[in-house]
PDB file of N, CA and C in Angstrom:
ATOM      1  N   MET A   1       0.856  -1.167   0.000  1.00  0.00           N
ATOM      2  CA  MET A   1       0.000   0.000   0.000  1.00  0.00           C
ATOM      3  C   MET A   1       0.900   1.226   0.000  1.00  0.00           C
ATOM      4  N   ALA A   2       1.317   1.671  -1.141  1.00  0.00           N
ATOM      5  CA  ALA A   2       2.137   2.870  -1.247  1.00  0.00           C
ATOM      6  C   ALA A   2       1.237   4.087  -1.210  1.00  0.00           C
ATOM      7  N   VAL A   3       1.611   5.049  -0.412  1.00  0.00           N
ATOM      8  CA  VAL A   3       0.807   6.254  -0.250  1.00  0.00           C
ATOM      9  C   VAL A   3       1.640   7.449  -0.672  1.00  0.00           C
ATOM     10  N   ARG A   4       1.054   8.326  -1.465  1.00  0.00           N
ATOM     11  CA  ARG A   4       1.727   9.551  -1.880  1.00  0.00           C
ATOM     12  C   ARG A   4       0.883  10.732  -1.425  1.00  0.00           C
ATOM     13  N   HIS A   5       1.531  11.836  -1.161  1.00  0.00           N
ATOM     14  CA  HIS A   5       0.783  13.034  -0.786  1.00  0.00           C
ATOM     15  C   HIS A   5       1.527  14.271  -1.218  1.00  0.00           C
ATOM     16  N   LYS A   6       0.790  15.369  -1.229  1.00  0.00           N
ATOM     17  CA  LYS A   6       1.422  16.655  -1.490  1.00  0.00           C
ATOM     18  C   LYS A   6       1.805  17.251  -0.149  1.00  0.00           C
ATOM     19  N   SER A   7       3.044  17.651  -0.045  1.00  0.00           N
ATOM     20  CA  SER A   7       3.526  18.269   1.179  1.00  0.00           C
ATOM     21  C   SER A   7       2.787  19.573   1.431  1.00  0.00           C
ATOM     22  N   ARG A   8       2.413  19.816   2.674  1.00  0.00           N
ATOM     23  CA  ARG A   8       1.728  21.066   3.016  1.00  0.00           C
ATOM     24  C   ARG A   8       2.641  22.263   2.789  1.00  0.00           C
ATOM     25  N   ASP A   9       3.965  22.069   2.906  1.00  0.00           N
ATOM     26  CA  ASP A   9       4.886  23.187   2.802  1.00  0.00           C
ATOM     27  C   ASP A   9       5.171  23.606   1.363  1.00  0.00           C
ATOM     28  N   ASP A  10       5.480  22.645   0.501  1.00  0.00           N
ATOM     29  CA  ASP A  10       5.894  23.033  -0.843  1.00  0.00           C
ATOM     30  C   ASP A  10       4.978  22.543  -1.952  1.00  0.00           C
ATOM     31  N   GLN A  11       3.907  21.859  -1.623  1.00  0.00           N
ATOM     32  CA  GLN A  11       2.917  21.391  -2.587  1.00  0.00           C
ATOM     33  C   GLN A  11       3.504  20.476  -3.658  1.00  0.00           C
ATOM     34  N   THR A  12       4.673  19.865  -3.407  1.00  0.00           N
ATOM     35  CA  THR A  12       5.208  18.892  -4.353  1.00  0.00           C
ATOM     36  C   THR A  12       4.813  17.507  -3.900  1.00  0.00           C
ATOM     37  N   GLU A  13       4.636  16.624  -4.856  1.00  0.00           N
ATOM     38  CA  GLU A  13       4.222  15.278  -4.514  1.00  0.00           C
ATOM     39  C   GLU A  13       5.449  14.482  -4.105  1.00  0.00           C
ATOM     40  N   GLU A  14       5.354  13.799  -2.988  1.00  0.00           N
ATOM     41  CA  GLU A  14       6.469  13.003  -2.512  1.00  0.00           C
ATOM     42  C   GLU A  14       5.927  11.760  -1.827  1.00  0.00           C
ATOM     43  N   PRO A  15       6.708  10.673  -1.836  1.00  0.00           N
ATOM     44  CA  PRO A  15       6.227   9.454  -1.201  1.00  0.00           C
ATOM     45  C   PRO A  15       6.259   9.575   0.315  1.00  0.00           C
ATOM     46  N   THR A  16       5.349   8.900   0.968  1.00  0.00           N
ATOM     47  CA  THR A  16       5.347   8.830   2.418  1.00  0.00           C
ATOM     48  C   THR A  16       5.717   7.418   2.804  1.00  0.00           C
ATOM     49  N   ASP A  17       6.010   7.222   4.065  1.00  0.00           N
ATOM     50  CA  ASP A  17       6.220   5.872   4.551  1.00  0.00           C
ATOM     51  C   ASP A  17       4.916   5.111   4.402  1.00  0.00           C
ATOM     52  N   GLU A  18       5.039   3.829   4.167  1.00  0.00           N
ATOM     53  CA  GLU A  18       3.851   3.003   4.013  1.00  0.00           C
ATOM     54  C   GLU A  18       3.109   2.935   5.340  1.00  0.00           C
ATOM     55  N   LEU A  19       1.796   3.103   5.276  1.00  0.00           N
ATOM     56  CA  LEU A  19       0.971   2.986   6.473  1.00  0.00           C
ATOM     57  C   LEU A  19       0.750   1.520   6.778  1.00  0.00           C
ATOM     58  N   SER A  20       0.892   1.166   8.029  1.00  0.00           N
ATOM     59  CA  SER A  20       0.564  -0.205   8.406  1.00  0.00           C
ATOM     60  C   SER A  20      -0.947  -0.306   8.572  1.00  0.00           C
ATOM     61  N   THR A  21      -1.439  -1.517   8.533  1.00  0.00           N
ATOM     62  CA  THR A  21      -2.868  -1.744   8.747  1.00  0.00           C
ATOM     63  C   THR A  21      -3.274  -1.209  10.112  1.00  0.00           C
ATOM     64  N   GLU A  22      -2.435  -1.444  11.111  1.00  0.00           N
ATOM     65  CA  GLU A  22      -2.736  -0.968  12.467  1.00  0.00           C
ATOM     66  C   GLU A  22      -2.840   0.556  12.509  1.00  0.00           C
ATOM     67  N   GLU A  23      -1.910   1.248  11.841  1.00  0.00           N
ATOM     68  CA  GLU A  23      -1.947   2.712  11.815  1.00  0.00           C
ATOM     69  C   GLU A  23      -3.208   3.220  11.121  1.00  0.00           C
ATOM     70  N   LEU A  24      -3.569   2.572  10.031  1.00  0.00           N
ATOM     71  CA  LEU A  24      -4.762   2.967   9.293  1.00  0.00           C
ATOM     72  C   LEU A  24      -6.021   2.750  10.128  1.00  0.00           C
ATOM     73  N   LEU A  25      -6.101   1.606  10.796  1.00  0.00           N
ATOM     74  CA  LEU A  25      -7.265   1.327  11.639  1.00  0.00           C
ATOM     75  C   LEU A  25      -7.317   2.272  12.836  1.00  0.00           C
ATOM     76  N   ASP A  26      -6.151   2.591  13.407  1.00  0.00           N
ATOM     77  CA  ASP A  26      -6.116   3.560  14.512  1.00  0.00           C
ATOM     78  C   ASP A  26      -6.616   4.920  14.043  1.00  0.00           C
ATOM     79  N   LEU A  27      -6.170   5.333  12.873  1.00  0.00           N
ATOM     80  CA  LEU A  27      -6.563   6.631  12.329  1.00  0.00           C
ATOM     81  C   LEU A  27      -8.071   6.700  12.136  1.00  0.00           C
ATOM     82  N   PHE A  28      -8.644   5.699  11.485  1.00  0.00           N
ATOM     83  CA  PHE A  28     -10.081   5.707  11.209  1.00  0.00           C
ATOM     84  C   PHE A  28     -10.914   5.167  12.362  1.00  0.00           C
ATOM     85  N   GLY A  29     -10.265   4.751  13.432  1.00  0.00           N
ATOM     86  CA  GLY A  29     -10.986   4.339  14.630  1.00  0.00           C
ATOM     87  C   GLY A  29     -11.550   5.534  15.383  1.00  0.00           C
ATOM     88  N   ASP A  30     -11.101   6.733  15.012  1.00  0.00           N
ATOM     89  CA  ASP A  30     -11.564   7.960  15.652  1.00  0.00           C
ATOM     90  C   ASP A  30     -12.766   8.517  14.890  1.00  0.00           C
ATOM     91  N   GLU A  31     -13.865   8.715  15.598  1.00  0.00           N
ATOM     92  CA  GLU A  31     -15.105   9.191  14.971  1.00  0.00           C
ATOM     93  C   GLU A  31     -14.919  10.536  14.273  1.00  0.00           C
ATOM     94  N   TYR A  32     -14.195  11.462  14.901  1.00  0.00           N
ATOM     95  CA  TYR A  32     -14.003  12.780  14.307  1.00  0.00           C
ATOM     96  C   TYR A  32     -13.190  12.690  13.017  1.00  0.00           C
ATOM     97  N   THR A  33     -12.191  11.816  12.996  1.00  0.00           N
ATOM     98  CA  THR A  33     -11.398  11.624  11.780  1.00  0.00           C
ATOM     99  C   THR A  33     -12.278  11.107  10.655  1.00  0.00           C
ATOM    100  N   ARG A  34     -13.143  10.156  10.968  1.00  0.00           N
ATOM    101  CA  ARG A  34     -14.050   9.626   9.942  1.00  0.00           C
ATOM    102  C   ARG A  34     -14.969  10.719   9.413  1.00  0.00           C
ATOM    103  N   ARG A  35     -15.513  11.548  10.308  1.00  0.00           N
ATOM    104  CA  ARG A  35     -16.408  12.633   9.877  1.00  0.00           C
ATOM    105  C   ARG A  35     -15.686  13.633   8.982  1.00  0.00           C
ATOM    106  N   VAL A  36     -14.479  14.003   9.381  1.00  0.00           N
ATOM    107  CA  VAL A  36     -13.688  14.965   8.606  1.00  0.00           C
ATOM    108  C   VAL A  36     -13.350  14.379   7.237  1.00  0.00           C
ATOM    109  N   PHE A  37     -12.950  13.116   7.212  1.00  0.00           N
ATOM    110  CA  PHE A  37     -12.623  12.481   5.936  1.00  0.00           C
ATOM    111  C   PHE A  37     -13.854  12.393   5.036  1.00  0.00           C
ATOM    112  N   GLU A  38     -14.992  12.064   5.610  1.00  0.00           N
ATOM    113  CA  GLU A  38     -16.236  12.011   4.831  1.00  0.00           C
ATOM    114  C   GLU A  38     -16.555  13.379   4.225  1.00  0.00           C
ATOM    115  N   ALA A  39     -16.329  14.443   5.009  1.00  0.00           N
ATOM    116  CA  ALA A  39     -16.626  15.801   4.522  1.00  0.00           C
ATOM    117  C   ALA A  39     -15.784  16.150   3.300  1.00  0.00           C
ATOM    118  N   VAL A  40     -14.480  15.843   3.337  1.00  0.00           N
ATOM    119  CA  VAL A  40     -13.626  16.181   2.193  1.00  0.00           C
ATOM    120  C   VAL A  40     -13.764  15.165   1.061  1.00  0.00           C
ATOM    121  N   SER A  41     -14.326  13.996   1.355  1.00  0.00           N
ATOM    122  CA  SER A  41     -14.584  13.009   0.303  1.00  0.00           C
ATOM    123  C   SER A  41     -15.784  13.417  -0.539  1.00  0.00           C
ATOM    124  N   GLU A  42     -16.746  14.086   0.095  1.00  0.00           N
ATOM    125  CA  GLU A  42     -17.944  14.533  -0.623  1.00  0.00           C
ATOM    126  C   GLU A  42     -17.593  15.594  -1.657  1.00  0.00           C
ATOM    127  N   GLN A  43     -16.747  16.541  -1.249  1.00  0.00           N
ATOM    128  CA  GLN A  43     -16.316  17.630  -2.131  1.00  0.00           C
ATOM    129  C   GLN A  43     -15.163  18.357  -1.466  1.00  0.00           C
ATOM    130  N   PRO A  44     -14.291  19.013  -2.248  1.00  0.00           N
ATOM    131  CA  PRO A  44     -13.214  19.806  -1.643  1.00  0.00           C
ATOM    132  C   PRO A  44     -13.820  20.923  -0.794  1.00  0.00           C
ATOM    133  N   ARG A  45     -13.211  21.170   0.347  1.00  0.00           N
ATOM    134  CA  ARG A  45     -13.736  22.188   1.268  1.00  0.00           C
ATOM    135  C   ARG A  45     -12.591  22.904   1.974  1.00  0.00           C
ATOM    136  N   GLY A  46     -12.886  24.121   2.408  1.00  0.00           N
ATOM    137  CA  GLY A  46     -11.984  24.852   3.274  1.00  0.00           C
ATOM    138  C   GLY A  46     -12.138  24.344   4.702  1.00  0.00           C
ATOM    139  N   GLY A  47     -11.219  24.721   5.568  1.00  0.00           N
ATOM    140  CA  GLY A  47     -11.231  24.240   6.949  1.00  0.00           C
ATOM    141  C   GLY A  47     -12.512  24.536   7.705  1.00  0.00           C
ATOM    142  N   ARG A  48     -13.017  25.750   7.567  1.00  0.00           N
ATOM    143  CA  ARG A  48     -14.260  26.123   8.254  1.00  0.00           C
ATOM    144  C   ARG A  48     -15.430  25.274   7.760  1.00  0.00           C
ATOM    145  N   ALA A  49     -15.505  25.062   6.441  1.00  0.00           N
ATOM    146  CA  ALA A  49     -16.585  24.251   5.862  1.00  0.00           C
ATOM    147  C   ALA A  49     -16.463  22.789   6.286  1.00  0.00           C
ATOM    148  N   VAL A  50     -15.232  22.305   6.429  1.00  0.00           N
ATOM    149  CA  VAL A  50     -15.028  20.931   6.915  1.00  0.00           C
ATOM    150  C   VAL A  50     -15.563  20.812   8.335  1.00  0.00           C
ATOM    151  N   ALA A  51     -15.218  21.779   9.183  1.00  0.00           N
ATOM    152  CA  ALA A  51     -15.681  21.754  10.572  1.00  0.00           C
ATOM    153  C   ALA A  51     -17.206  21.756  10.634  1.00  0.00           C
ATOM    154  N   GLN A  52     -17.837  22.582   9.806  1.00  0.00           N
ATOM    155  CA  GLN A  52     -19.305  22.637   9.796  1.00  0.00           C
ATOM    156  C   GLN A  52     -19.911  21.336   9.289  1.00  0.00           C
ATOM    157  N   ALA A  53     -19.393  20.812   8.190  1.00  0.00           N
ATOM    158  CA  ALA A  53     -19.945  19.582   7.603  1.00  0.00           C
ATOM    159  C   ALA A  53     -19.749  18.382   8.525  1.00  0.00           C
ATOM    160  N   ALA A  54     -18.619  18.357   9.236  1.00  0.00           N
ATOM    161  CA  ALA A  54     -18.312  17.232  10.122  1.00  0.00           C
ATOM    162  C   ALA A  54     -18.889  17.427  11.519  1.00  0.00           C
ATOM    163  N   ASP A  55     -19.418  18.624  11.782  1.00  0.00           N
ATOM    164  CA  ASP A  55     -19.974  18.955  13.092  1.00  0.00           C
ATOM    165  C   ASP A  55     -18.937  18.784  14.203  1.00  0.00           C
ATOM    166  N   VAL A  56     -17.748  19.378  13.950  1.00  0.00           N
ATOM    167  CA  VAL A  56     -16.667  19.381  14.933  1.00  0.00           C
ATOM    168  C   VAL A  56     -16.141  20.810  15.044  1.00  0.00           C
ATOM    169  N   SER A  57     -15.368  21.074  16.092  1.00  0.00           N
ATOM    170  CA  SER A  57     -14.779  22.406  16.238  1.00  0.00           C
ATOM    171  C   SER A  57     -13.711  22.609  15.159  1.00  0.00           C
ATOM    172  N   ARG A  58     -13.395  23.865  14.866  1.00  0.00           N
ATOM    173  CA  ARG A  58     -12.367  24.145  13.856  1.00  0.00           C
ATOM    174  C   ARG A  58     -11.012  23.574  14.253  1.00  0.00           C
ATOM    175  N   PRO A  59     -10.576  23.736  15.528  1.00  0.00           N
ATOM    176  CA  PRO A  59      -9.287  23.126  15.890  1.00  0.00           C
ATOM    177  C   PRO A  59      -9.280  21.604  15.699  1.00  0.00           C
ATOM    178  N   THR A  60     -10.398  20.954  16.030  1.00  0.00           N
ATOM    179  CA  THR A  60     -10.487  19.501  15.838  1.00  0.00           C
ATOM    180  C   THR A  60     -10.412  19.164  14.359  1.00  0.00           C
ATOM    181  N   ALA A  61     -11.118  19.917  13.531  1.00  0.00           N
ATOM    182  CA  ALA A  61     -11.092  19.672  12.083  1.00  0.00           C
ATOM    183  C   ALA A  61      -9.668  19.802  11.546  1.00  0.00           C
ATOM    184  N   TYR A  62      -8.957  20.862  11.930  1.00  0.00           N
ATOM    185  CA  TYR A  62      -7.598  21.056  11.429  1.00  0.00           C
ATOM    186  C   TYR A  62      -6.640  19.983  11.943  1.00  0.00           C
ATOM    187  N   ARG A  63      -6.786  19.560  13.192  1.00  0.00           N
ATOM    188  CA  ARG A  63      -5.930  18.480  13.707  1.00  0.00           C
ATOM    189  C   ARG A  63      -6.136  17.207  12.896  1.00  0.00           C
ATOM    190  N   ARG A  64      -7.396  16.859  12.658  1.00  0.00           N
ATOM    191  CA  ARG A  64      -7.693  15.639  11.894  1.00  0.00           C
ATOM    192  C   ARG A  64      -7.248  15.783  10.438  1.00  0.00           C
ATOM    193  N   LEU A  65      -7.431  16.950   9.847  1.00  0.00           N
ATOM    194  CA  LEU A  65      -6.961  17.176   8.475  1.00  0.00           C
ATOM    195  C   LEU A  65      -5.443  17.006   8.387  1.00  0.00           C
ATOM    196  N   ASN A  66      -4.724  17.535   9.370  1.00  0.00           N
ATOM    197  CA  ASN A  66      -3.265  17.387   9.389  1.00  0.00           C
ATOM    198  C   ASN A  66      -2.859  15.922   9.493  1.00  0.00           C
ATOM    199  N   GLU A  67      -3.553  15.162  10.349  1.00  0.00           N
ATOM    200  CA  GLU A  67      -3.251  13.733  10.493  1.00  0.00           C
ATOM    201  C   GLU A  67      -3.526  12.995   9.182  1.00  0.00           C
ATOM    202  N   LEU A  68      -4.640  13.325   8.540  1.00  0.00           N
ATOM    203  CA  LEU A  68      -4.987  12.681   7.273  1.00  0.00           C
ATOM    204  C   LEU A  68      -4.012  13.076   6.164  1.00  0.00           C
ATOM    205  N   GLN A  69      -3.544  14.319   6.184  1.00  0.00           N
ATOM    206  CA  GLN A  69      -2.538  14.758   5.211  1.00  0.00           C
ATOM    207  C   GLN A  69      -1.232  14.014   5.432  1.00  0.00           C
ATOM    208  N   ASP A  70      -0.821  13.915   6.688  1.00  0.00           N
ATOM    209  CA  ASP A  70       0.421  13.209   7.003  1.00  0.00           C
ATOM    210  C   ASP A  70       0.360  11.750   6.557  1.00  0.00           C
ATOM    211  N   ALA A  71      -0.831  11.171   6.578  1.00  0.00           N
ATOM    212  CA  ALA A  71      -1.023   9.781   6.151  1.00  0.00           C
ATOM    213  C   ALA A  71      -1.161   9.669   4.635  1.00  0.00           C
ATOM    214  N   GLY A  72      -1.224  10.815   3.938  1.00  0.00           N
ATOM    215  CA  GLY A  72      -1.339  10.806   2.488  1.00  0.00           C
ATOM    216  C   GLY A  72      -2.751  10.588   1.978  1.00  0.00           C
ATOM    217  N   LEU A  73      -3.743  10.765   2.843  1.00  0.00           N
ATOM    218  CA  LEU A  73      -5.130  10.499   2.473  1.00  0.00           C
ATOM    219  C   LEU A  73      -5.901  11.753   2.098  1.00  0.00           C
ATOM    220  N   VAL A  74      -5.320  12.914   2.400  1.00  0.00           N
ATOM    221  CA  VAL A  74      -5.938  14.204   2.084  1.00  0.00           C
ATOM    222  C   VAL A  74      -4.847  15.109   1.526  1.00  0.00           C
ATOM    223  N   THR A  75      -5.202  15.903   0.524  1.00  0.00           N
ATOM    224  CA  THR A  75      -4.285  16.905  -0.011  1.00  0.00           C
ATOM    225  C   THR A  75      -4.899  18.282   0.204  1.00  0.00           C
ATOM    226  N   SER A  76      -4.059  19.293   0.147  1.00  0.00           N
ATOM    227  CA  SER A  76      -4.569  20.659   0.273  1.00  0.00           C
ATOM    228  C   SER A  76      -3.997  21.506  -0.852  1.00  0.00           C
ATOM    229  N   GLU A  77      -4.747  22.533  -1.171  1.00  0.00           N
ATOM    230  CA  GLU A  77      -4.351  23.450  -2.238  1.00  0.00           C
ATOM    231  C   GLU A  77      -4.677  24.859  -1.777  1.00  0.00           C
ATOM    232  N   CYS A  78      -3.725  25.772  -1.940  1.00  0.00           N
ATOM    233  CA  CYS A  78      -3.969  27.170  -1.589  1.00  0.00           C
ATOM    234  C   CYS A  78      -4.490  27.909  -2.815  1.00  0.00           C
ATOM    235  N   TYR A  79      -5.386  28.846  -2.570  1.00  0.00           N
ATOM    236  CA  TYR A  79      -5.928  29.665  -3.655  1.00  0.00           C
ATOM    237  C   TYR A  79      -6.238  31.043  -3.097  1.00  0.00           C
ATOM    238  N   VAL A  80      -6.406  32.005  -3.993  1.00  0.00           N
ATOM    239  CA  VAL A  80      -6.760  33.362  -3.591  1.00  0.00           C
ATOM    240  C   VAL A  80      -8.275  33.499  -3.730  1.00  0.00           C
ATOM    241  N   ALA A  81      -8.925  33.810  -2.624  1.00  0.00           N
ATOM    242  CA  ALA A  81     -10.383  33.965  -2.599  1.00  0.00           C
ATOM    243  C   ALA A  81     -10.769  35.300  -3.237  1.00  0.00           C
ATOM    244  N   PRO A  82     -12.037  35.456  -3.610  1.00  0.00           N
ATOM    245  CA  PRO A  82     -12.498  36.724  -4.205  1.00  0.00           C
ATOM    246  C   PRO A  82     -12.202  37.947  -3.334  1.00  0.00           C
ATOM    247  N   ASP A  83     -12.124  37.749  -2.010  1.00  0.00           N
ATOM    248  CA  ASP A  83     -11.830  38.874  -1.119  1.00  0.00           C
ATOM    249  C   ASP A  83     -10.335  39.189  -1.044  1.00  0.00           C
ATOM    250  N   GLY A  84      -9.508  38.434  -1.801  1.00  0.00           N
ATOM    251  CA  GLY A  84      -8.073  38.688  -1.832  1.00  0.00           C
ATOM    252  C   GLY A  84      -7.272  37.915  -0.805  1.00  0.00           C
ATOM    253  N   HIS A  85      -7.929  37.233   0.110  1.00  0.00           N
ATOM    254  CA  HIS A  85      -7.231  36.448   1.122  1.00  0.00           C
ATOM    255  C   HIS A  85      -6.856  35.076   0.569  1.00  0.00           C
ATOM    256  N   HIS A  86      -5.754  34.550   1.085  1.00  0.00           N
ATOM    257  CA  HIS A  86      -5.334  33.204   0.702  1.00  0.00           C
ATOM    258  C   HIS A  86      -6.119  32.195   1.528  1.00  0.00           C
ATOM    259  N   ARG A  87      -6.623  31.177   0.871  1.00  0.00           N
ATOM    260  CA  ARG A  87      -7.408  30.127   1.528  1.00  0.00           C
ATOM    261  C   ARG A  87      -6.798  28.773   1.187  1.00  0.00           C
ATOM    262  N   GLU A  88      -7.048  27.821   2.053  1.00  0.00           N
ATOM    263  CA  GLU A  88      -6.596  26.454   1.824  1.00  0.00           C
ATOM    264  C   GLU A  88      -7.826  25.570   1.660  1.00  0.00           C
ATOM    265  N   GLN A  89      -7.807  24.755   0.632  1.00  0.00           N
ATOM    266  CA  GLN A  89      -8.924  23.854   0.366  1.00  0.00           C
ATOM    267  C   GLN A  89      -8.411  22.418   0.445  1.00  0.00           C
ATOM    268  N   PHE A  90      -9.163  21.567   1.118  1.00  0.00           N
ATOM    269  CA  PHE A  90      -8.770  20.187   1.346  1.00  0.00           C
ATOM    270  C   PHE A  90      -9.631  19.240   0.521  1.00  0.00           C
ATOM    271  N   SER A  91      -9.007  18.188   0.010  1.00  0.00           N
ATOM    272  CA  SER A  91      -9.762  17.162  -0.715  1.00  0.00           C
ATOM    273  C   SER A  91      -9.160  15.792  -0.415  1.00  0.00           C
ATOM    274  N   ALA A  92      -9.989  14.784  -0.531  1.00  0.00           N
ATOM    275  CA  ALA A  92      -9.544  13.414  -0.278  1.00  0.00           C
ATOM    276  C   ALA A  92      -8.716  12.927  -1.458  1.00  0.00           C
ATOM    277  N   SER A  93      -7.585  12.311  -1.164  1.00  0.00           N
ATOM    278  CA  SER A  93      -6.785  11.698  -2.227  1.00  0.00           C
ATOM    279  C   SER A  93      -7.071  10.208  -2.301  1.00  0.00           C
ATOM    280  N   ALA A  94      -7.761   9.688  -1.309  1.00  0.00           N
ATOM    281  CA  ALA A  94      -8.144   8.273  -1.308  1.00  0.00           C
ATOM    282  C   ALA A  94      -9.587   8.158  -1.769  1.00  0.00           C
ATOM    283  N   GLN A  95      -9.823   7.268  -2.723  1.00  0.00           N
ATOM    284  CA  GLN A  95     -11.176   7.056  -3.220  1.00  0.00           C
ATOM    285  C   GLN A  95     -11.861   5.898  -2.512  1.00  0.00           C
ATOM    286  N   HIS A  96     -11.078   4.945  -2.043  1.00  0.00           N
ATOM    287  CA  HIS A  96     -11.666   3.732  -1.493  1.00  0.00           C
ATOM    288  C   HIS A  96     -10.771   3.186  -0.383  1.00  0.00           C
ATOM    289  N   LEU A  97     -11.372   2.787   0.705  1.00  0.00           N
ATOM    290  CA  LEU A  97     -10.668   2.156   1.814  1.00  0.00           C
ATOM    291  C   LEU A  97     -11.388   0.857   2.111  1.00  0.00           C
ATOM    292  N   SER A  98     -10.646  -0.237   2.160  1.00  0.00           N
ATOM    293  CA  SER A  98     -11.290  -1.508   2.493  1.00  0.00           C
ATOM    294  C   SER A  98     -10.463  -2.248   3.534  1.00  0.00           C
ATOM    295  N   VAL A  99     -11.152  -2.971   4.377  1.00  0.00           N
ATOM    296  CA  VAL A  99     -10.529  -3.787   5.412  1.00  0.00           C
ATOM    297  C   VAL A  99     -11.054  -5.198   5.228  1.00  0.00           C
ATOM    298  N   SER A 100     -10.144  -6.170   5.214  1.00  0.00           N
ATOM    299  CA  SER A 100     -10.587  -7.561   5.068  1.00  0.00           C
ATOM    300  C   SER A 100      -9.977  -8.424   6.163  1.00  0.00           C
ATOM    301  N   LEU A 101     -10.732  -9.409   6.560  1.00  0.00           N
ATOM    302  CA  LEU A 101     -10.290 -10.382   7.553  1.00  0.00           C
ATOM    303  C   LEU A 101     -10.135 -11.715   6.840  1.00  0.00           C
ATOM    304  N   ASP A 102      -8.956 -12.316   6.961  1.00  0.00           N
ATOM    305  CA  ASP A 102      -8.712 -13.580   6.277  1.00  0.00           C
ATOM    306  C   ASP A 102      -7.866 -14.478   7.169  1.00  0.00           C
ATOM    307  N   GLY A 103      -8.472 -15.508   7.699  1.00  0.00           N
ATOM    308  CA  GLY A 103      -7.732 -16.461   8.524  1.00  0.00           C
ATOM    309  C   GLY A 103      -7.051 -15.833   9.720  1.00  0.00           C
ATOM    310  N   GLY A 104      -7.702 -14.873  10.344  1.00  0.00           N
ATOM    311  CA  GLY A 104      -7.126 -14.218  11.515  1.00  0.00           C
ATOM    312  C   GLY A 104      -6.242 -13.033  11.184  1.00  0.00           C
ATOM    313  N   ASP A 105      -5.925 -12.830   9.918  1.00  0.00           N
ATOM    314  CA  ASP A 105      -5.129 -11.674   9.507  1.00  0.00           C
ATOM    315  C   ASP A 105      -6.061 -10.545   9.093  1.00  0.00           C
ATOM    316  N   ILE A 106      -5.684  -9.330   9.447  1.00  0.00           N
ATOM    317  CA  ILE A 106      -6.439  -8.147   9.043  1.00  0.00           C
ATOM    318  C   ILE A 106      -5.598  -7.402   8.021  1.00  0.00           C
ATOM    319  N   GLU A 107      -6.214  -7.050   6.914  1.00  0.00           N
ATOM    320  CA  GLU A 107      -5.509  -6.307   5.873  1.00  0.00           C
ATOM    321  C   GLU A 107      -6.343  -5.107   5.460  1.00  0.00           C
ATOM    322  N   ALA A 108      -5.689  -3.973   5.312  1.00  0.00           N
ATOM    323  CA  ALA A 108      -6.372  -2.754   4.869  1.00  0.00           C
ATOM    324  C   ALA A 108      -5.717  -2.283   3.580  1.00  0.00           C
ATOM    325  N   THR A 109      -6.543  -1.830   2.651  1.00  0.00           N
ATOM    326  CA  THR A 109      -6.038  -1.295   1.387  1.00  0.00           C
ATOM    327  C   THR A 109      -6.700   0.033   1.084  1.00  0.00           C
ATOM    328  N   ILE A 110      -5.944   0.899   0.417  1.00  0.00           N
ATOM    329  CA  ILE A 110      -6.433   2.222   0.045  1.00  0.00           C
ATOM    330  C   ILE A 110      -6.255   2.375  -1.458  1.00  0.00           C
ATOM    331  N   SER A 111      -7.296   2.840  -2.134  1.00  0.00           N
ATOM    332  CA  SER A 111      -7.184   3.200  -3.551  1.00  0.00           C
ATOM    333  C   SER A 111      -7.101   4.714  -3.620  1.00  0.00           C
ATOM    334  N   LEU A 112      -6.021   5.217  -4.206  1.00  0.00           N
ATOM    335  CA  LEU A 112      -5.807   6.656  -4.282  1.00  0.00           C
ATOM    336  C   LEU A 112      -6.351   7.227  -5.576  1.00  0.00           C
ATOM    337  N   SER A 113      -6.731   8.510  -5.534  1.00  0.00           N
ATOM    338  CA  SER A 113      -7.174   9.236  -6.725  1.00  0.00           C
ATOM    339  C   SER A 113      -5.988   9.439  -7.648  1.00  0.00           C
ATOM    340  N   CYS A 114      -6.272   9.562  -8.911  1.00  0.00           N
ATOM    341  CA  CYS A 114      -5.200   9.845  -9.888  1.00  0.00           C
ATOM    342  C   CYS A 114      -5.175  11.310 -10.198  1.00  0.00           C
TER     343      CYS A 114
END
């Protein structure tokens, strides 16, 4: 399960360390993380819109977005809003997450967007 992401600092695509099944399950074992991921999976959103859609506080939304970015599951893009301010928009880079149980082994796979 190779995961790639865009660095928050320089917006270049670079490989990340492979996520273990345990790390992936720990990440999505958190209800707020699941809500935040669902919000950006529906459509790209800014941080405030993610917090509203996920029904979490803004600090919680940003913490979860950062964790998902670090895992390579969410990317962000900066843009200039009509009011002239710079904004960051988040979107899911993973299209599909599956977990399978086979003979006592747990395996998780992620399908990334192209």
